[in-house]
Amino acid sequence: MVASPSPPPSGLSPEAPDPTAFRTPWSLTRPGRFVWMMQWWAPVILPFWVLLGRGFVGAGLGFVGIFGFVAIGVPSLIVLYIPALITLGDNDVRIARKTRFAYSIGACLLWGILLVTGLFVPDSSDGGPMPSAVMTWTSGGIAIDQSLIIMTVGIGVAAAADVAVIGLAVAGCSRPQLLTLEDSSQSEIRRGAVLTGFWIWWAAIAVELVSIVHLIVYAAEDSWDPGYFDDGWLVLEVIVVLAAPFFVLRLRSRSRVARAVLAVLAAGVLIGVMVLTTTEGFPSPLDSFVAILLVVGTVPLFVPSSNRYFS
């Protein structure tokens, strides 16, 4: 007796191949689930690692760690988010919530290059050059000039890899759509922009918490004039850290009130940073980074697909 052919997976037309089974570089494979999630976190984690995180593994922190958030962190954040935002235009990726195989490989290589490059970033301060993590590990076996060369090559390779990943994301959007748009799939698509804002807000809350600890430690050491206390800045930061998680979680319940409250909090932080820039001359780099993250995380909550999600 000949067995009857198995029905196509849910969401597929009968004549369409299953895109979740690996056949080509454009297939949606299981590792793509991890990459889909990480592509919203990596643009925040990796600049933080290159600027400050390397200090936890032995690198010296100086001017790059203190002032690099605006000159390095913000452009890196934007550039690394471009491929992730492009994948939202790939219907199959949005429905399956898995990135394509070629994109997954490219993204992981990009992130790995930046992780390794961070180990070779030296720094400087008023007292002179400061070692990279690898220089510290090798006790001077690698000179600062060698570390700088490796860092420069790593940045160049990472830039090329980012361009390649952007190309793969664009190519994925041009692939024929294989998954059908059932009602449940449409719900997932509408929720895509909301989930983008959801994860960016969580990243901003984490960085804001680091900013508070950073401010308190420096104030306790009396090595930095904590003028933010007088302006109520610390109060606003604490409100964001304590109140925002509740409303961010409420986004998953289609709460329009939560969306409005988060928009107000983001506007408050942005205005606070602008006031600090005017009165204090320059806000904390972490504070500027958080303000940008909150704006980037709030905008997706108000795009047309999100409006339908909250309706």
C-alpha atoms as a PDB file:
ATOM      1  CA  MET A   1       0.000   0.000   0.000  1.00  0.00           C
ATOM      2  CA  VAL A   2       1.376   3.424  -0.942  1.00  0.00           C
ATOM      3  CA  ALA A   3       1.311   5.967   1.856  1.00  0.00           C
ATOM      4  CA  SER A   4      -0.510   9.158   1.108  1.00  0.00           C
ATOM      5  CA  PRO A   5       1.651  12.278   1.053  1.00  0.00           C
ATOM      6  CA  SER A   6       1.706  14.217   4.303  1.00  0.00           C
ATOM      7  CA  PRO A   7      -0.174  17.503   4.297  1.00  0.00           C
ATOM      8  CA  PRO A   8       1.855  20.693   4.015  1.00  0.00           C
ATOM      9  CA  PRO A   9       2.792  22.481   7.245  1.00  0.00           C
ATOM     10  CA  SER A  10       0.285  24.949   8.601  1.00  0.00           C
ATOM     11  CA  GLY A  11       0.470  28.271   6.839  1.00  0.00           C
ATOM     12  CA  LEU A  12       1.841  26.861   3.563  1.00  0.00           C
ATOM     13  CA  SER A  13       0.053  26.598   0.271  1.00  0.00           C
ATOM     14  CA  PRO A  14      -0.114  22.955  -1.012  1.00  0.00           C
ATOM     15  CA  GLU A  15       2.283  23.605  -3.877  1.00  0.00           C
ATOM     16  CA  ALA A  16       4.841  25.617  -1.888  1.00  0.00           C
ATOM     17  CA  PRO A  17       7.993  23.996  -0.440  1.00  0.00           C
ATOM     18  CA  ASP A  18       8.555  24.218   3.278  1.00  0.00           C
ATOM     19  CA  PRO A  19      10.936  27.193   3.791  1.00  0.00           C
ATOM     20  CA  THR A  20      11.745  26.028   7.325  1.00  0.00           C
ATOM     21  CA  ALA A  21      13.533  22.921   5.974  1.00  0.00           C
ATOM     22  CA  PHE A  22      17.130  23.614   4.983  1.00  0.00           C
ATOM     23  CA  ARG A  23      17.582  23.501   1.235  1.00  0.00           C
ATOM     24  CA  THR A  24      19.288  26.749   0.245  1.00  0.00           C
ATOM     25  CA  PRO A  25      20.984  29.714   1.955  1.00  0.00           C
ATOM     26  CA  TRP A  26      17.567  31.360   1.971  1.00  0.00           C
ATOM     27  CA  SER A  27      15.913  28.652   4.091  1.00  0.00           C
ATOM     28  CA  LEU A  28      14.487  29.490   7.511  1.00  0.00           C
ATOM     29  CA  THR A  29      16.334  27.160   9.882  1.00  0.00           C
ATOM     30  CA  ARG A  30      16.183  26.595  13.626  1.00  0.00           C
ATOM     31  CA  PRO A  31      19.301  28.710  14.455  1.00  0.00           C
ATOM     32  CA  GLY A  32      17.460  31.580  12.801  1.00  0.00           C
ATOM     33  CA  ARG A  33      15.176  31.742  15.864  1.00  0.00           C
ATOM     34  CA  PHE A  34      18.172  32.655  18.031  1.00  0.00           C
ATOM     35  CA  VAL A  35      19.420  35.212  15.503  1.00  0.00           C
ATOM     36  CA  TRP A  36      15.938  36.743  15.221  1.00  0.00           C
ATOM     37  CA  MET A  37      15.966  37.380  18.980  1.00  0.00           C
ATOM     38  CA  MET A  38      19.604  38.436  19.251  1.00  0.00           C
ATOM     39  CA  GLN A  39      19.455  40.944  16.408  1.00  0.00           C
ATOM     40  CA  TRP A  40      17.435  43.252  18.696  1.00  0.00           C
ATOM     41  CA  TRP A  41      19.935  42.941  21.578  1.00  0.00           C
ATOM     42  CA  ALA A  42      23.281  42.794  19.789  1.00  0.00           C
ATOM     43  CA  PRO A  43      23.200  46.429  18.545  1.00  0.00           C
ATOM     44  CA  VAL A  44      23.019  47.531  22.194  1.00  0.00           C
ATOM     45  CA  ILE A  45      25.294  44.935  23.786  1.00  0.00           C
ATOM     46  CA  LEU A  46      28.173  45.154  21.297  1.00  0.00           C
ATOM     47  CA  PRO A  47      28.798  48.947  21.412  1.00  0.00           C
ATOM     48  CA  PHE A  48      28.558  48.743  25.209  1.00  0.00           C
ATOM     49  CA  TRP A  49      31.101  45.899  25.150  1.00  0.00           C
ATOM     50  CA  VAL A  50      33.542  47.797  22.911  1.00  0.00           C
ATOM     51  CA  LEU A  51      33.272  50.993  24.968  1.00  0.00           C
ATOM     52  CA  LEU A  52      32.949  49.783  28.572  1.00  0.00           C
ATOM     53  CA  GLY A  53      32.494  46.024  28.761  1.00  0.00           C
ATOM     54  CA  ARG A  54      36.128  45.344  27.853  1.00  0.00           C
ATOM     55  CA  GLY A  55      37.056  46.925  31.174  1.00  0.00           C
ATOM     56  CA  PHE A  56      35.638  43.862  32.949  1.00  0.00           C
ATOM     57  CA  VAL A  57      38.224  41.628  31.249  1.00  0.00           C
ATOM     58  CA  GLY A  58      41.315  43.681  31.969  1.00  0.00           C
ATOM     59  CA  ALA A  59      41.293  46.588  29.491  1.00  0.00           C
ATOM     60  CA  GLY A  60      42.035  50.096  30.684  1.00  0.00           C
ATOM     61  CA  LEU A  61      39.162  52.563  30.386  1.00  0.00           C
ATOM     62  CA  GLY A  62      39.861  56.170  29.508  1.00  0.00           C
ATOM     63  CA  PHE A  63      38.610  58.740  27.040  1.00  0.00           C
ATOM     64  CA  VAL A  64      37.115  56.167  24.653  1.00  0.00           C
ATOM     65  CA  GLY A  65      35.062  54.604  27.450  1.00  0.00           C
ATOM     66  CA  ILE A  66      33.913  57.962  28.811  1.00  0.00           C
ATOM     67  CA  PHE A  67      33.268  60.036  25.689  1.00  0.00           C
ATOM     68  CA  GLY A  68      32.822  57.343  23.047  1.00  0.00           C
ATOM     69  CA  PHE A  69      29.086  56.851  23.482  1.00  0.00           C
ATOM     70  CA  VAL A  70      28.161  59.771  21.260  1.00  0.00           C
ATOM     71  CA  ALA A  71      30.988  59.509  18.725  1.00  0.00           C
ATOM     72  CA  ILE A  72      31.109  55.690  18.538  1.00  0.00           C
ATOM     73  CA  GLY A  73      28.163  54.164  20.392  1.00  0.00           C
ATOM     74  CA  VAL A  74      25.307  55.983  18.661  1.00  0.00           C
ATOM     75  CA  PRO A  75      26.548  55.461  15.067  1.00  0.00           C
ATOM     76  CA  SER A  76      27.292  51.804  15.879  1.00  0.00           C
ATOM     77  CA  LEU A  77      23.804  51.372  17.335  1.00  0.00           C
ATOM     78  CA  ILE A  78      22.191  52.768  14.196  1.00  0.00           C
ATOM     79  CA  VAL A  79      24.371  50.811  11.756  1.00  0.00           C
ATOM     80  CA  LEU A  80      23.860  47.509  13.582  1.00  0.00           C
ATOM     81  CA  TYR A  81      20.083  47.973  13.733  1.00  0.00           C
ATOM     82  CA  ILE A  82      19.756  48.538   9.968  1.00  0.00           C
ATOM     83  CA  PRO A  83      19.880  44.812   9.005  1.00  0.00           C
ATOM     84  CA  ALA A  84      17.421  43.881  11.763  1.00  0.00           C
ATOM     85  CA  LEU A  85      14.931  46.532  10.676  1.00  0.00           C
ATOM     86  CA  ILE A  86      15.224  45.415   7.048  1.00  0.00           C
ATOM     87  CA  THR A  87      14.272  41.837   8.016  1.00  0.00           C
ATOM     88  CA  LEU A  88      10.892  43.207   9.121  1.00  0.00           C
ATOM     89  CA  GLY A  89      10.183  43.663   5.415  1.00  0.00           C
ATOM     90  CA  ASP A  90      10.687  39.943   4.788  1.00  0.00           C
ATOM     91  CA  ASN A  91       7.215  38.433   5.262  1.00  0.00           C
ATOM     92  CA  ASP A  92       8.449  34.852   5.633  1.00  0.00           C
ATOM     93  CA  VAL A  93      10.940  35.897   8.310  1.00  0.00           C
ATOM     94  CA  ARG A  94       8.317  37.875  10.192  1.00  0.00           C
ATOM     95  CA  ILE A  95       5.790  35.038  10.080  1.00  0.00           C
ATOM     96  CA  ALA A  96       8.229  32.285  11.082  1.00  0.00           C
ATOM     97  CA  ARG A  97      10.181  34.583  13.441  1.00  0.00           C
ATOM     98  CA  LYS A  98      13.358  32.970  12.085  1.00  0.00           C
ATOM     99  CA  THR A  99      16.031  34.599   9.967  1.00  0.00           C
ATOM    100  CA  ARG A 100      17.302  33.023   6.773  1.00  0.00           C
ATOM    101  CA  PHE A 101      20.345  30.741   6.943  1.00  0.00           C
ATOM    102  CA  ALA A 102      22.725  33.030   5.018  1.00  0.00           C
ATOM    103  CA  TYR A 103      21.665  36.047   7.066  1.00  0.00           C
ATOM    104  CA  SER A 104      22.077  34.081  10.305  1.00  0.00           C
ATOM    105  CA  ILE A 105      25.641  33.085   9.413  1.00  0.00           C
ATOM    106  CA  GLY A 106      26.541  36.645   8.369  1.00  0.00           C
ATOM    107  CA  ALA A 107      25.033  38.197  11.494  1.00  0.00           C
ATOM    108  CA  CYS A 108      26.823  35.761  13.829  1.00  0.00           C
ATOM    109  CA  LEU A 109      30.132  36.426  12.066  1.00  0.00           C
ATOM    110  CA  LEU A 110      29.585  40.182  12.405  1.00  0.00           C
ATOM    111  CA  TRP A 111      28.850  39.909  16.112  1.00  0.00           C
ATOM    112  CA  GLY A 112      31.823  37.590  16.675  1.00  0.00           C
ATOM    113  CA  ILE A 113      34.182  40.003  14.894  1.00  0.00           C
ATOM    114  CA  LEU A 114      33.035  42.873  17.114  1.00  0.00           C
ATOM    115  CA  LEU A 115      33.430  40.757  20.263  1.00  0.00           C
ATOM    116  CA  VAL A 116      37.007  39.893  19.322  1.00  0.00           C
ATOM    117  CA  THR A 117      37.805  43.445  18.183  1.00  0.00           C
ATOM    118  CA  GLY A 118      36.766  44.763  21.594  1.00  0.00           C
ATOM    119  CA  LEU A 119      39.602  42.773  23.165  1.00  0.00           C
ATOM    120  CA  PHE A 120      42.162  44.756  21.150  1.00  0.00           C
ATOM    121  CA  VAL A 121      40.827  48.288  21.837  1.00  0.00           C
ATOM    122  CA  PRO A 122      43.398  50.320  23.781  1.00  0.00           C
ATOM    123  CA  ASP A 123      42.566  53.620  25.421  1.00  0.00           C
ATOM    124  CA  SER A 124      44.214  56.760  26.725  1.00  0.00           C
ATOM    125  CA  SER A 125      43.818  59.206  29.581  1.00  0.00           C
ATOM    126  CA  ASP A 126      45.566  62.229  31.017  1.00  0.00           C
ATOM    127  CA  GLY A 127      48.180  59.831  32.345  1.00  0.00           C
ATOM    128  CA  GLY A 128      48.984  58.376  28.923  1.00  0.00           C
ATOM    129  CA  PRO A 129      48.082  55.225  26.954  1.00  0.00           C
ATOM    130  CA  MET A 130      46.025  52.469  28.580  1.00  0.00           C
ATOM    131  CA  PRO A 131      46.294  48.795  27.576  1.00  0.00           C
ATOM    132  CA  SER A 132      43.759  46.695  25.724  1.00  0.00           C
ATOM    133  CA  ALA A 133      42.487  43.489  27.302  1.00  0.00           C
ATOM    134  CA  VAL A 134      44.844  41.337  25.232  1.00  0.00           C
ATOM    135  CA  MET A 135      47.802  43.562  26.178  1.00  0.00           C
ATOM    136  CA  THR A 136      46.942  42.987  29.828  1.00  0.00           C
ATOM    137  CA  TRP A 137      46.551  39.230  29.351  1.00  0.00           C
ATOM    138  CA  THR A 138      49.937  38.926  27.608  1.00  0.00           C
ATOM    139  CA  SER A 139      51.690  41.261  30.102  1.00  0.00           C
ATOM    140  CA  GLY A 140      52.935  43.483  27.311  1.00  0.00           C
ATOM    141  CA  GLY A 141      53.632  40.656  24.865  1.00  0.00           C
ATOM    142  CA  ILE A 142      51.483  42.557  22.373  1.00  0.00           C
ATOM    143  CA  ALA A 143      52.515  46.200  21.983  1.00  0.00           C
ATOM    144  CA  ILE A 144      49.988  49.002  21.757  1.00  0.00           C
ATOM    145  CA  ASP A 145      50.853  49.584  18.078  1.00  0.00           C
ATOM    146  CA  GLN A 146      50.101  45.941  17.293  1.00  0.00           C
ATOM    147  CA  SER A 147      46.839  46.130  19.238  1.00  0.00           C
ATOM    148  CA  LEU A 148      45.853  49.252  17.298  1.00  0.00           C
ATOM    149  CA  ILE A 149      46.578  47.561  13.966  1.00  0.00           C
ATOM    150  CA  ILE A 150      44.475  44.518  14.883  1.00  0.00           C
ATOM    151  CA  MET A 151      41.680  46.791  16.146  1.00  0.00           C
ATOM    152  CA  THR A 152      41.720  48.802  12.897  1.00  0.00           C
ATOM    153  CA  VAL A 153      41.602  45.651  10.778  1.00  0.00           C
ATOM    154  CA  GLY A 154      38.772  44.290  12.953  1.00  0.00           C
ATOM    155  CA  ILE A 155      36.734  47.473  12.525  1.00  0.00           C
ATOM    156  CA  GLY A 156      37.249  47.351   8.754  1.00  0.00           C
ATOM    157  CA  VAL A 157      36.230  43.701   8.532  1.00  0.00           C
ATOM    158  CA  ALA A 158      33.200  44.374  10.758  1.00  0.00           C
ATOM    159  CA  ALA A 159      32.132  47.265   8.501  1.00  0.00           C
ATOM    160  CA  ALA A 160      32.399  45.020   5.438  1.00  0.00           C
ATOM    161  CA  ALA A 161      30.486  42.267   7.248  1.00  0.00           C
ATOM    162  CA  ASP A 162      27.721  44.709   8.197  1.00  0.00           C
ATOM    163  CA  VAL A 163      27.357  45.789   4.563  1.00  0.00           C
ATOM    164  CA  ALA A 164      27.180  42.116   3.544  1.00  0.00           C
ATOM    165  CA  VAL A 165      24.529  41.383   6.177  1.00  0.00           C
ATOM    166  CA  ILE A 166      22.486  44.371   4.996  1.00  0.00           C
ATOM    167  CA  GLY A 167      22.729  42.976   1.467  1.00  0.00           C
ATOM    168  CA  LEU A 168      21.564  39.557   2.643  1.00  0.00           C
ATOM    169  CA  ALA A 169      18.630  41.155   4.471  1.00  0.00           C
ATOM    170  CA  VAL A 170      17.617  43.070   1.333  1.00  0.00           C
ATOM    171  CA  ALA A 171      18.010  39.936  -0.798  1.00  0.00           C
ATOM    172  CA  GLY A 172      15.787  38.024   1.628  1.00  0.00           C
ATOM    173  CA  CYS A 173      13.050  40.624   1.205  1.00  0.00           C
ATOM    174  CA  SER A 174      13.111  40.030  -2.546  1.00  0.00           C
ATOM    175  CA  ARG A 175      12.612  36.253  -2.241  1.00  0.00           C
ATOM    176  CA  PRO A 176       9.219  34.791  -3.254  1.00  0.00           C
ATOM    177  CA  GLN A 177       6.881  34.563  -0.285  1.00  0.00           C
ATOM    178  CA  LEU A 178       6.201  30.937   0.674  1.00  0.00           C
ATOM    179  CA  LEU A 179       4.236  31.303   3.906  1.00  0.00           C
ATOM    180  CA  THR A 180       0.586  32.300   3.582  1.00  0.00           C
ATOM    181  CA  LEU A 181      -0.933  35.110   5.597  1.00  0.00           C
ATOM    182  CA  GLU A 182      -3.472  33.421   7.812  1.00  0.00           C
ATOM    183  CA  ASP A 183      -5.183  35.339  10.578  1.00  0.00           C
ATOM    184  CA  SER A 184      -2.678  34.199  13.184  1.00  0.00           C
ATOM    185  CA  SER A 185       0.181  35.132  10.908  1.00  0.00           C
ATOM    186  CA  GLN A 186      -1.281  38.576  10.333  1.00  0.00           C
ATOM    187  CA  SER A 187      -1.418  39.023  14.091  1.00  0.00           C
ATOM    188  CA  GLU A 188       2.267  38.099  14.313  1.00  0.00           C
ATOM    189  CA  ILE A 189       3.131  40.598  11.574  1.00  0.00           C
ATOM    190  CA  ARG A 190       1.249  43.391  13.278  1.00  0.00           C
ATOM    191  CA  ARG A 191       2.996  42.526  16.513  1.00  0.00           C
ATOM    192  CA  GLY A 192       6.446  42.623  14.887  1.00  0.00           C
ATOM    193  CA  ALA A 193       6.975  46.372  15.269  1.00  0.00           C
ATOM    194  CA  VAL A 194       5.633  46.247  18.830  1.00  0.00           C
ATOM    195  CA  LEU A 195       8.090  43.490  19.714  1.00  0.00           C
ATOM    196  CA  THR A 196      10.886  45.583  18.256  1.00  0.00           C
ATOM    197  CA  GLY A 197       9.994  48.438  20.594  1.00  0.00           C
ATOM    198  CA  PHE A 198       9.471  45.941  23.426  1.00  0.00           C
ATOM    199  CA  TRP A 199      13.031  44.596  23.253  1.00  0.00           C
ATOM    200  CA  ILE A 200      14.649  47.992  22.678  1.00  0.00           C
ATOM    201  CA  TRP A 201      12.870  49.331  25.774  1.00  0.00           C
ATOM    202  CA  TRP A 202      14.237  46.439  27.838  1.00  0.00           C
ATOM    203  CA  ALA A 203      17.725  47.215  26.564  1.00  0.00           C
ATOM    204  CA  ALA A 204      17.265  50.885  27.474  1.00  0.00           C
ATOM    205  CA  ILE A 205      16.095  49.975  30.986  1.00  0.00           C
ATOM    206  CA  ALA A 206      19.212  47.841  31.481  1.00  0.00           C
ATOM    207  CA  VAL A 207      21.507  50.652  30.322  1.00  0.00           C
ATOM    208  CA  GLU A 208      19.587  53.142  32.495  1.00  0.00           C
ATOM    209  CA  LEU A 209      20.190  50.934  35.519  1.00  0.00           C
ATOM    210  CA  VAL A 210      23.908  50.941  34.721  1.00  0.00           C
ATOM    211  CA  SER A 211      23.736  54.743  34.439  1.00  0.00           C
ATOM    212  CA  ILE A 212      22.223  55.043  37.921  1.00  0.00           C
ATOM    213  CA  VAL A 213      24.890  52.799  39.446  1.00  0.00           C
ATOM    214  CA  HIS A 214      27.538  54.764  37.551  1.00  0.00           C
ATOM    215  CA  LEU A 215      26.224  58.079  38.938  1.00  0.00           C
ATOM    216  CA  ILE A 216      25.943  56.848  42.522  1.00  0.00           C
ATOM    217  CA  VAL A 217      29.435  55.312  42.525  1.00  0.00           C
ATOM    218  CA  TYR A 218      31.054  58.477  41.230  1.00  0.00           C
ATOM    219  CA  ALA A 219      29.085  60.629  43.653  1.00  0.00           C
ATOM    220  CA  ALA A 220      30.134  58.393  46.555  1.00  0.00           C
ATOM    221  CA  GLU A 221      33.779  58.668  45.522  1.00  0.00           C
ATOM    222  CA  ASP A 222      33.374  62.462  45.279  1.00  0.00           C
ATOM    223  CA  SER A 223      35.276  62.367  42.011  1.00  0.00           C
ATOM    224  CA  TRP A 224      32.470  63.759  39.906  1.00  0.00           C
ATOM    225  CA  ASP A 225      30.190  66.637  40.749  1.00  0.00           C
ATOM    226  CA  PRO A 226      26.722  65.011  40.833  1.00  0.00           C
ATOM    227  CA  GLY A 227      24.845  68.059  39.592  1.00  0.00           C
ATOM    228  CA  TYR A 228      22.129  65.783  38.244  1.00  0.00           C
ATOM    229  CA  PHE A 229      20.790  65.346  41.786  1.00  0.00           C
ATOM    230  CA  ASP A 230      19.872  69.050  41.982  1.00  0.00           C
ATOM    231  CA  ASP A 231      17.933  68.908  38.726  1.00  0.00           C
ATOM    232  CA  GLY A 232      15.917  65.882  39.746  1.00  0.00           C
ATOM    233  CA  TRP A 233      17.627  63.816  37.068  1.00  0.00           C
ATOM    234  CA  LEU A 234      18.223  60.897  39.387  1.00  0.00           C
ATOM    235  CA  VAL A 235      14.520  60.890  40.302  1.00  0.00           C
ATOM    236  CA  LEU A 236      13.560  60.645  36.621  1.00  0.00           C
ATOM    237  CA  GLU A 237      16.044  57.824  36.069  1.00  0.00           C
ATOM    238  CA  VAL A 238      14.661  55.866  39.036  1.00  0.00           C
ATOM    239  CA  ILE A 239      11.091  56.394  37.800  1.00  0.00           C
ATOM    240  CA  VAL A 240      12.050  54.998  34.392  1.00  0.00           C
ATOM    241  CA  VAL A 241      13.764  51.943  35.897  1.00  0.00           C
ATOM    242  CA  LEU A 242      10.951  51.198  38.361  1.00  0.00           C
ATOM    243  CA  ALA A 243       7.857  52.093  36.329  1.00  0.00           C
ATOM    244  CA  ALA A 244       8.829  51.300  32.752  1.00  0.00           C
ATOM    245  CA  PRO A 245       9.110  47.484  33.155  1.00  0.00           C
ATOM    246  CA  PHE A 246       5.442  47.241  34.188  1.00  0.00           C
ATOM    247  CA  PHE A 247       4.242  49.217  31.178  1.00  0.00           C
ATOM    248  CA  VAL A 248       6.634  47.455  28.792  1.00  0.00           C
ATOM    249  CA  LEU A 249       5.156  44.132  29.875  1.00  0.00           C
ATOM    250  CA  ARG A 250       1.678  45.559  29.358  1.00  0.00           C
ATOM    251  CA  LEU A 251       2.498  46.081  25.671  1.00  0.00           C
ATOM    252  CA  ARG A 252       2.040  42.341  25.190  1.00  0.00           C
ATOM    253  CA  SER A 253      -1.552  42.792  26.394  1.00  0.00           C
ATOM    254  CA  ARG A 254      -2.298  45.448  23.734  1.00  0.00           C
ATOM    255  CA  SER A 255      -2.528  48.195  26.356  1.00  0.00           C
ATOM    256  CA  ARG A 256      -2.860  51.607  24.731  1.00  0.00           C
ATOM    257  CA  VAL A 257      -2.335  53.231  28.138  1.00  0.00           C
ATOM    258  CA  ALA A 258       1.045  51.505  28.437  1.00  0.00           C
ATOM    259  CA  ARG A 259       2.023  52.768  25.001  1.00  0.00           C
ATOM    260  CA  ALA A 260       1.078  56.338  25.937  1.00  0.00           C
ATOM    261  CA  VAL A 261       2.917  56.189  29.286  1.00  0.00           C
ATOM    262  CA  LEU A 262       6.080  54.900  27.625  1.00  0.00           C
ATOM    263  CA  ALA A 263       5.905  57.710  25.076  1.00  0.00           C
ATOM    264  CA  VAL A 264       5.671  60.242  27.935  1.00  0.00           C
ATOM    265  CA  LEU A 265       8.621  58.649  29.742  1.00  0.00           C
ATOM    266  CA  ALA A 266      10.713  58.669  26.569  1.00  0.00           C
ATOM    267  CA  ALA A 267       9.854  62.326  25.950  1.00  0.00           C
ATOM    268  CA  GLY A 268      10.730  63.162  29.565  1.00  0.00           C
ATOM    269  CA  VAL A 269      14.154  61.536  29.318  1.00  0.00           C
ATOM    270  CA  LEU A 270      14.838  63.215  25.954  1.00  0.00           C
ATOM    271  CA  ILE A 271      13.862  66.625  27.346  1.00  0.00           C
ATOM    272  CA  GLY A 272      15.965  65.956  30.468  1.00  0.00           C
ATOM    273  CA  VAL A 273      19.040  65.228  28.347  1.00  0.00           C
ATOM    274  CA  MET A 274      18.441  68.412  26.342  1.00  0.00           C
ATOM    275  CA  VAL A 275      18.166  70.420  29.574  1.00  0.00           C
ATOM    276  CA  LEU A 276      21.377  68.871  30.900  1.00  0.00           C
ATOM    277  CA  THR A 277      23.107  69.722  27.640  1.00  0.00           C
ATOM    278  CA  THR A 278      22.025  73.341  28.039  1.00  0.00           C
ATOM    279  CA  THR A 279      22.698  73.781  31.772  1.00  0.00           C
ATOM    280  CA  GLU A 280      25.547  71.368  32.502  1.00  0.00           C
ATOM    281  CA  GLY A 281      27.284  71.553  29.132  1.00  0.00           C
ATOM    282  CA  PHE A 282      27.262  67.801  28.478  1.00  0.00           C
ATOM    283  CA  PRO A 283      25.154  64.985  29.959  1.00  0.00           C
ATOM    284  CA  SER A 284      26.472  61.572  30.885  1.00  0.00           C
ATOM    285  CA  PRO A 285      27.214  59.532  27.727  1.00  0.00           C
ATOM    286  CA  LEU A 286      25.078  56.747  29.184  1.00  0.00           C
ATOM    287  CA  ASP A 287      22.173  59.165  29.585  1.00  0.00           C
ATOM    288  CA  SER A 288      22.462  60.285  25.956  1.00  0.00           C
ATOM    289  CA  PHE A 289      22.613  56.636  24.886  1.00  0.00           C
ATOM    290  CA  VAL A 290      19.475  55.820  26.902  1.00  0.00           C
ATOM    291  CA  ALA A 291      17.571  58.787  25.457  1.00  0.00           C
ATOM    292  CA  ILE A 292      18.340  57.638  21.912  1.00  0.00           C
ATOM    293  CA  LEU A 293      17.365  54.059  22.744  1.00  0.00           C
ATOM    294  CA  LEU A 294      14.039  55.170  24.215  1.00  0.00           C
ATOM    295  CA  VAL A 295      13.194  57.226  21.145  1.00  0.00           C
ATOM    296  CA  VAL A 296      14.187  54.364  18.830  1.00  0.00           C
ATOM    297  CA  GLY A 297      12.120  51.957  20.963  1.00  0.00           C
ATOM    298  CA  THR A 298       9.052  54.218  21.079  1.00  0.00           C
ATOM    299  CA  VAL A 299       8.725  55.039  17.380  1.00  0.00           C
ATOM    300  CA  PRO A 300       7.834  51.430  16.353  1.00  0.00           C
ATOM    301  CA  LEU A 301       4.934  51.512  18.828  1.00  0.00           C
ATOM    302  CA  PHE A 302       3.177  54.157  16.715  1.00  0.00           C
ATOM    303  CA  VAL A 303       3.663  52.899  13.155  1.00  0.00           C
ATOM    304  CA  PRO A 304       0.477  51.899  11.253  1.00  0.00           C
ATOM    305  CA  SER A 305       0.849  48.148  11.919  1.00  0.00           C
ATOM    306  CA  SER A 306       1.232  48.849  15.652  1.00  0.00           C
ATOM    307  CA  ASN A 307      -1.836  51.086  15.608  1.00  0.00           C
ATOM    308  CA  ARG A 308      -3.835  48.144  14.244  1.00  0.00           C
ATOM    309  CA  TYR A 309      -2.322  45.894  16.910  1.00  0.00           C
ATOM    310  CA  PHE A 310      -3.468  48.228  19.712  1.00  0.00           C
ATOM    311  CA  SER A 311      -6.898  48.883  18.189  1.00  0.00           C
END
